[in-house]
Amino acid sequence: MPKARKTIVSVEDTPFYHCVSRCVRRAFLCGEDLYSGNNYEHRREWVENRLLELADVFAVEICAYAVMSNHLHVVLRIDIELVKSWSDFDVLTQWHKLFKGTPLSHKFIKGEKLSKWDMKQLDEQVAEYRHRLADISWFMRSLNEPIARLANKEDKCSGRFWEGRFKSQALLDEGALLACMAYVDLNPIRAKMTDSPEQSDFTSIQRRIKSALKGEQPLELLPFSGNERLNMPNGLPFVAEDYLLLVEETGRCIRTDKKGSILRSAHILERLNLPTENWLRLCTEFGVLFKGAAGNMQSLTLYCERMDKLRRGGAANCQRWFSSMIS
């Protein structure tokens, strides 16, 4: 039975979550339909554009994504401190970028005078919008619904485009975050859709590589801020060059027609005490190994206690594949 999202998301334990949305119907609705001969590749651009647009509205940042032929992977970070820092005006301004709002919210934005009763109602609206702008369910809803409407209009049909619920799993520590990001970024290579990360269209890794060639980081994605340290700026706790090299070398290892080894970027795995054998298994089978929260046993235990879970789902695989990691 599907679990309520509030029983899965615990920002106190981790702000990082891996979300997956899958298409329904037999056709590859974001790729080429081999049965009809129709090509729907342009829809992958719809998904990518909408995804990056939402990152500018929500207090939810994108770590990694891959838009595949019939499903979408995205790794998100909930920025609670950012949404808390927004004023009421900021919250309403962000909300109006996507939604109509209410007559009260528009009056407030225009600077019109409101009665005490109106202000009380407005405060309740702002509190609700503030919550939604840091909610991955609202983020995914705002991503999936417009795409479904566009696809149905193009197909001249009605019904579901996506499965009813998206899958989400908590990434409880740096090792789980690193492995899941690489798993997402390497999706097109595992699916034999492309030969290398830089040729992987509609993925975060391609966007990061293009920016790296110019000595930059993409503004639409959560940046790398280097290895964890005191007074660390907001960002991913890895060095950008190390991560890109690791994904490149891992991609060569999992390709059957290429000889590859993880050498130049091995120190990023050493810092996390993660053996290369474990790493390769995680990058190829992360979605199979972990149906729920992923991380080392200490992180998983704390997460389950906080969420009042009687069982530690996936404990065996957490123990096996992250056993040598230190949180």
Protein backbone atom coordinates (compact mmCIF):
# COMPACT_ATOMS: atom_id res chain seq x y z
CA MET A 1 0.00 0.00 0.00
CA PRO A 2 1.38 3.47 -0.88
CA LYS A 3 2.65 5.47 2.09
CA ALA A 4 1.67 9.05 2.84
CA ARG A 5 4.45 11.38 1.75
CA LYS A 6 4.74 12.84 5.25
CA THR A 7 5.84 9.41 6.51
CA ILE A 8 8.75 9.44 4.05
CA VAL A 9 9.99 13.03 4.04
CA SER A 10 11.99 14.10 7.11
CA VAL A 11 13.95 17.28 6.50
CA GLU A 12 15.43 16.93 10.01
CA ASP A 13 17.24 13.80 8.78
CA THR A 14 18.05 14.84 5.22
CA PRO A 15 17.07 17.52 2.71
CA PHE A 16 17.93 15.22 -0.24
CA TYR A 17 15.34 13.05 -2.05
CA HIS A 18 15.33 10.93 -5.18
CA CYS A 19 12.04 11.11 -7.10
CA VAL A 20 10.89 9.02 -10.06
CA SER A 21 7.82 9.57 -12.27
CA ARG A 22 6.86 6.95 -14.87
CA CYS A 23 4.56 7.20 -17.87
CA VAL A 24 1.55 4.97 -18.38
CA ARG A 25 0.23 3.51 -21.69
CA ARG A 26 2.30 1.17 -23.84
CA ALA A 27 3.88 3.89 -25.97
CA PHE A 28 7.15 5.61 -25.15
CA LEU A 29 5.43 8.92 -24.55
CA CYS A 30 8.66 10.88 -24.28
CA GLY A 31 10.57 9.00 -26.98
CA GLU A 32 9.91 7.01 -30.16
CA ASP A 33 6.86 4.76 -30.31
CA LEU A 34 8.04 1.69 -32.22
CA TYR A 35 4.46 0.51 -32.73
CA SER A 36 3.06 3.63 -34.41
CA GLY A 37 6.31 5.10 -35.70
CA ASN A 38 5.53 8.43 -34.02
CA ASN A 39 8.39 10.30 -32.42
CA TYR A 40 7.70 12.11 -29.15
CA GLU A 41 11.30 13.07 -28.40
CA HIS A 42 10.33 16.74 -28.23
CA ARG A 43 8.39 16.03 -25.03
CA ARG A 44 11.62 15.38 -23.17
CA GLU A 45 12.46 19.03 -23.78
CA TRP A 46 9.07 19.97 -22.33
CA VAL A 47 9.92 18.09 -19.15
CA GLU A 48 13.43 19.52 -18.85
CA ASN A 49 12.31 23.11 -19.44
CA ARG A 50 9.50 22.83 -16.90
CA LEU A 51 11.81 21.22 -14.35
CA LEU A 52 14.37 24.01 -14.60
CA GLU A 53 11.62 26.64 -14.48
CA LEU A 54 10.33 25.23 -11.19
CA ALA A 55 13.78 25.45 -9.63
CA ASP A 56 13.47 29.23 -9.90
CA VAL A 57 10.15 29.23 -8.05
CA PHE A 58 10.31 26.63 -5.29
CA ALA A 59 12.70 26.42 -2.36
CA VAL A 60 13.64 23.07 -3.86
CA GLU A 61 16.93 22.74 -5.71
CA ILE A 62 17.89 20.26 -8.43
CA CYS A 63 20.96 18.12 -7.81
CA ALA A 64 20.61 15.73 -10.75
CA TYR A 65 18.03 14.71 -13.34
CA ALA A 66 17.58 12.48 -16.37
CA VAL A 67 14.56 12.65 -18.67
CA MET A 68 14.26 9.18 -20.21
CA SER A 69 11.91 7.81 -22.87
CA ASN A 70 9.18 6.79 -20.45
CA HIS A 71 10.25 8.02 -17.03
CA LEU A 72 11.95 10.84 -15.18
CA HIS A 73 14.59 10.74 -12.45
CA VAL A 74 15.36 13.80 -10.33
CA VAL A 75 17.39 14.29 -7.15
CA LEU A 76 16.09 17.24 -5.14
CA ARG A 77 17.24 19.24 -2.13
CA ILE A 78 14.66 20.97 0.07
CA ASP A 79 16.02 24.35 1.21
CA ILE A 80 14.08 24.98 4.42
CA GLU A 81 16.31 27.89 5.46
CA LEU A 82 15.63 29.67 2.18
CA VAL A 83 11.84 29.44 2.43
CA LYS A 84 12.00 30.58 6.07
CA SER A 85 13.99 33.65 5.03
CA TRP A 86 11.38 34.76 2.51
CA SER A 87 9.12 37.62 3.55
CA ASP A 88 5.35 37.38 2.99
CA PHE A 89 5.84 39.51 -0.12
CA ASP A 90 8.52 37.11 -1.40
CA VAL A 91 6.32 34.07 -0.80
CA LEU A 92 3.41 35.55 -2.71
CA THR A 93 5.65 36.76 -5.52
CA GLN A 94 7.09 33.27 -5.93
CA TRP A 95 3.65 31.68 -5.79
CA HIS A 96 2.24 34.03 -8.44
CA LYS A 97 4.94 32.94 -10.89
CA LEU A 98 3.04 29.66 -11.28
CA PHE A 99 -0.42 30.06 -9.79
CA LYS A 100 -3.18 32.68 -9.93
CA GLY A 101 -3.31 33.31 -6.20
CA THR A 102 -6.34 35.04 -4.67
CA PRO A 103 -7.80 38.56 -4.80
CA LEU A 104 -6.31 39.14 -1.34
CA SER A 105 -2.82 38.07 -2.37
CA HIS A 106 -2.91 40.36 -5.40
CA LYS A 107 -4.14 43.29 -3.30
CA PHE A 108 -1.24 42.76 -0.91
CA ILE A 109 1.29 42.61 -3.74
CA LYS A 110 -0.10 45.86 -5.16
CA GLY A 111 0.27 47.53 -1.75
CA GLU A 112 -3.45 48.07 -1.24
CA LYS A 113 -4.74 48.52 2.31
CA LEU A 114 -6.30 45.42 3.89
CA SER A 115 -8.60 45.11 6.90
CA LYS A 116 -7.63 43.14 9.99
CA TRP A 117 -9.89 40.29 8.91
CA ASP A 118 -8.33 40.29 5.43
CA MET A 119 -4.83 40.28 6.94
CA LYS A 120 -5.73 37.29 9.10
CA GLN A 121 -6.91 35.39 6.05
CA LEU A 122 -3.83 36.47 4.10
CA ASP A 123 -1.52 35.23 6.88
CA GLU A 124 -3.14 31.81 6.61
CA GLN A 125 -2.67 31.81 2.84
CA VAL A 126 0.98 32.83 3.11
CA ALA A 127 1.66 30.08 5.66
CA GLU A 128 0.11 27.52 3.32
CA TYR A 129 2.02 28.80 0.28
CA ARG A 130 5.27 28.85 2.25
CA HIS A 131 4.74 25.20 3.13
CA ARG A 132 3.91 24.24 -0.45
CA LEU A 133 6.97 26.03 -1.88
CA ALA A 134 9.21 23.69 0.12
CA ASP A 135 7.17 20.55 -0.54
CA ILE A 136 8.43 17.98 -3.06
CA SER A 137 4.86 16.74 -3.64
CA TRP A 138 3.83 20.21 -4.83
CA PHE A 139 7.04 20.46 -6.84
CA MET A 140 6.40 17.16 -8.65
CA ARG A 141 2.72 18.00 -9.09
CA SER A 142 3.64 21.33 -10.68
CA LEU A 143 6.02 19.47 -12.98
CA ASN A 144 3.83 16.55 -14.02
CA GLU A 145 0.38 18.07 -14.46
CA PRO A 146 1.23 20.62 -17.22
CA ILE A 147 3.20 17.98 -19.14
CA ALA A 148 0.24 15.58 -18.98
CA ARG A 149 -2.12 18.25 -20.29
CA LEU A 150 0.21 19.10 -23.19
CA ALA A 151 0.67 15.44 -24.12
CA ASN A 152 -3.06 14.70 -23.98
CA LYS A 153 -3.80 17.73 -26.13
CA GLU A 154 -1.24 16.61 -28.68
CA ASP A 155 -2.58 13.04 -28.66
CA LYS A 156 -6.19 14.26 -28.74
CA CYS A 157 -7.10 12.01 -25.84
CA SER A 158 -7.78 12.09 -22.12
CA GLY A 159 -6.56 10.06 -19.19
CA ARG A 160 -3.32 9.68 -17.30
CA PHE A 161 0.08 10.48 -18.75
CA TRP A 162 2.02 9.66 -15.57
CA GLU A 163 1.41 6.92 -13.07
CA GLY A 164 -0.73 8.11 -10.17
CA ARG A 165 2.09 8.63 -7.67
CA PHE A 166 5.74 9.43 -8.05
CA LYS A 167 8.27 7.41 -6.09
CA SER A 168 10.43 9.23 -3.55
CA GLN A 169 13.22 7.99 -1.33
CA ALA A 170 15.31 9.76 1.28
CA LEU A 171 19.08 9.96 0.70
CA LEU A 172 20.39 9.93 4.24
CA ASP A 173 24.11 10.63 3.89
CA GLU A 174 26.81 11.73 1.45
CA GLY A 175 27.41 8.22 0.14
CA ALA A 176 23.77 7.67 -0.74
CA LEU A 177 23.57 11.13 -2.32
CA LEU A 178 26.70 10.57 -4.42
CA ALA A 179 25.64 7.09 -5.57
CA CYS A 180 22.10 8.18 -6.43
CA MET A 181 23.26 11.24 -8.38
CA ALA A 182 25.66 9.09 -10.41
CA TYR A 183 22.95 6.46 -10.90
CA VAL A 184 20.64 9.14 -12.31
CA ASP A 185 23.32 10.79 -14.45
CA LEU A 186 24.36 7.42 -15.93
CA ASN A 187 20.81 6.34 -16.82
CA PRO A 188 21.16 7.01 -20.58
CA ILE A 189 24.44 5.07 -20.73
CA ARG A 190 22.98 2.06 -18.91
CA ALA A 191 19.99 2.19 -21.26
CA LYS A 192 22.40 2.30 -24.24
CA MET A 193 20.85 5.53 -25.45
CA THR A 194 24.25 7.24 -25.70
CA ASP A 195 27.96 6.53 -25.49
CA SER A 196 29.16 9.12 -22.98
CA PRO A 197 27.86 11.55 -20.32
CA GLU A 198 28.49 14.62 -22.46
CA GLN A 199 26.26 13.14 -25.19
CA SER A 200 23.42 12.39 -22.74
CA ASP A 201 20.70 14.78 -23.81
CA PHE A 202 18.18 16.07 -21.26
CA THR A 203 20.37 15.23 -18.27
CA SER A 204 22.02 17.25 -15.54
CA ILE A 205 25.44 15.72 -16.25
CA GLN A 206 25.45 17.10 -19.81
CA ARG A 207 24.49 20.53 -18.48
CA ARG A 208 27.24 20.39 -15.84
CA ILE A 209 29.88 19.30 -18.37
CA LYS A 210 29.00 22.11 -20.78
CA SER A 211 29.34 24.65 -17.96
CA ALA A 212 32.57 23.06 -16.68
CA LEU A 213 34.17 23.49 -20.11
CA LYS A 214 33.69 27.23 -19.60
CA GLY A 215 34.96 27.08 -16.02
CA GLU A 216 31.46 27.58 -14.62
CA GLN A 217 28.65 25.76 -12.86
CA PRO A 218 25.07 25.79 -14.23
CA LEU A 219 22.88 28.34 -12.48
CA GLU A 220 19.79 26.10 -12.69
CA LEU A 221 21.38 23.30 -10.63
CA LEU A 222 22.58 23.09 -7.04
CA PRO A 223 26.31 23.85 -7.30
CA PHE A 224 29.17 21.79 -5.93
CA SER A 225 30.70 23.54 -2.92
CA GLY A 226 33.66 21.22 -2.25
CA ASN A 227 34.34 18.69 0.47
CA GLU A 228 32.50 19.10 3.77
CA ARG A 229 34.10 21.61 6.14
CA LEU A 230 33.30 24.30 8.68
CA ASN A 231 31.31 27.31 7.40
CA MET A 232 30.53 25.36 4.24
CA PRO A 233 28.47 27.33 1.67
CA ASN A 234 25.18 25.97 0.40
CA GLY A 235 25.78 23.26 -2.19
CA LEU A 236 26.72 19.67 -2.87
CA PRO A 237 29.49 18.39 -0.57
CA PHE A 238 31.82 17.32 -3.38
CA VAL A 239 34.38 18.90 -5.71
CA ALA A 240 32.83 19.43 -9.16
CA GLU A 241 35.86 18.11 -11.05
CA ASP A 242 36.03 14.99 -8.87
CA TYR A 243 32.36 14.21 -9.47
CA LEU A 244 32.51 14.71 -13.24
CA LEU A 245 35.60 12.51 -13.50
CA LEU A 246 33.98 9.85 -11.34
CA VAL A 247 30.86 9.75 -13.53
CA GLU A 248 32.99 9.60 -16.70
CA GLU A 249 35.12 6.73 -15.39
CA THR A 250 32.12 4.88 -13.99
CA GLY A 251 30.36 5.21 -17.35
CA ARG A 252 33.30 3.53 -19.04
CA CYS A 253 33.25 0.72 -16.48
CA ILE A 254 29.59 -0.12 -16.97
CA ARG A 255 29.83 -0.10 -20.77
CA THR A 256 30.43 -3.60 -22.12
CA ASP A 257 32.17 -2.28 -25.24
CA LYS A 258 34.64 -0.04 -23.43
CA LYS A 259 37.51 -0.76 -21.11
CA GLY A 260 37.54 1.53 -18.11
CA SER A 261 38.72 1.81 -14.53
CA ILE A 262 38.15 4.21 -11.67
CA LEU A 263 41.58 5.67 -11.00
CA ARG A 264 41.81 9.45 -11.35
CA SER A 265 38.81 10.16 -9.13
CA ALA A 266 39.17 7.30 -6.65
CA HIS A 267 39.89 9.70 -3.77
CA ILE A 268 36.25 10.83 -3.68
CA LEU A 269 35.32 7.21 -2.88
CA GLU A 270 38.15 6.90 -0.39
CA ARG A 271 36.88 9.95 1.50
CA LEU A 272 33.53 8.19 1.87
CA ASN A 273 35.18 4.82 2.65
CA LEU A 274 33.24 3.26 -0.23
CA PRO A 275 34.92 0.32 -2.04
CA THR A 276 35.00 0.50 -5.85
CA GLU A 277 33.10 -2.80 -6.13
CA ASN A 278 30.29 -1.42 -4.00
CA TRP A 279 30.29 1.80 -6.00
CA LEU A 280 29.81 0.08 -9.35
CA ARG A 281 26.94 -2.00 -7.97
CA LEU A 282 25.28 1.10 -6.52
CA CYS A 283 25.58 3.05 -9.77
CA THR A 284 24.01 0.29 -11.83
CA GLU A 285 21.36 -1.06 -9.44
CA PHE A 286 20.54 1.74 -6.99
CA GLY A 287 16.86 1.71 -7.94
CA VAL A 288 16.67 -2.05 -7.42
CA LEU A 289 18.68 -2.22 -4.21
CA PHE A 290 16.79 0.56 -2.40
CA LYS A 291 13.03 0.92 -2.56
CA GLY A 292 12.95 3.34 0.37
CA ALA A 293 15.47 5.41 2.31
CA ALA A 294 19.14 4.78 1.50
CA GLY A 295 22.26 5.37 3.56
CA ASN A 296 24.48 3.75 6.14
CA MET A 297 22.98 1.86 9.08
CA GLN A 298 23.45 4.67 11.58
CA SER A 299 21.65 7.16 9.32
CA LEU A 300 18.89 4.66 8.54
CA THR A 301 18.34 3.84 12.22
CA LEU A 302 18.02 7.52 13.19
CA TYR A 303 15.68 8.18 10.27
CA CYS A 304 13.40 5.26 11.19
CA GLU A 305 13.29 6.30 14.84
CA ARG A 306 12.34 9.86 13.96
CA MET A 307 9.65 8.67 11.53
CA ASP A 308 8.29 6.14 14.09
CA LYS A 309 8.92 3.23 11.75
CA LEU A 310 8.80 -0.17 13.43
CA ARG A 311 10.97 -1.79 10.74
CA ARG A 312 14.11 -0.56 9.02
CA GLY A 313 13.14 -1.22 5.42
CA GLY A 314 16.14 -2.02 3.22
CA ALA A 315 18.44 -2.47 6.24
CA ALA A 316 20.19 -5.50 4.72
CA ASN A 317 21.24 -3.65 1.58
CA CYS A 318 22.21 -0.54 3.56
CA GLN A 319 24.39 -2.73 5.76
CA ARG A 320 25.94 -4.53 2.81
CA TRP A 321 26.61 -1.72 0.37
CA PHE A 322 27.30 1.18 2.76
CA SER A 323 28.79 -0.92 5.58
CA SER A 324 32.29 0.56 5.34
CA MET A 325 31.10 4.15 5.27
CA ILE A 326 31.42 6.52 8.22
CA SER A 327 28.62 9.06 8.62
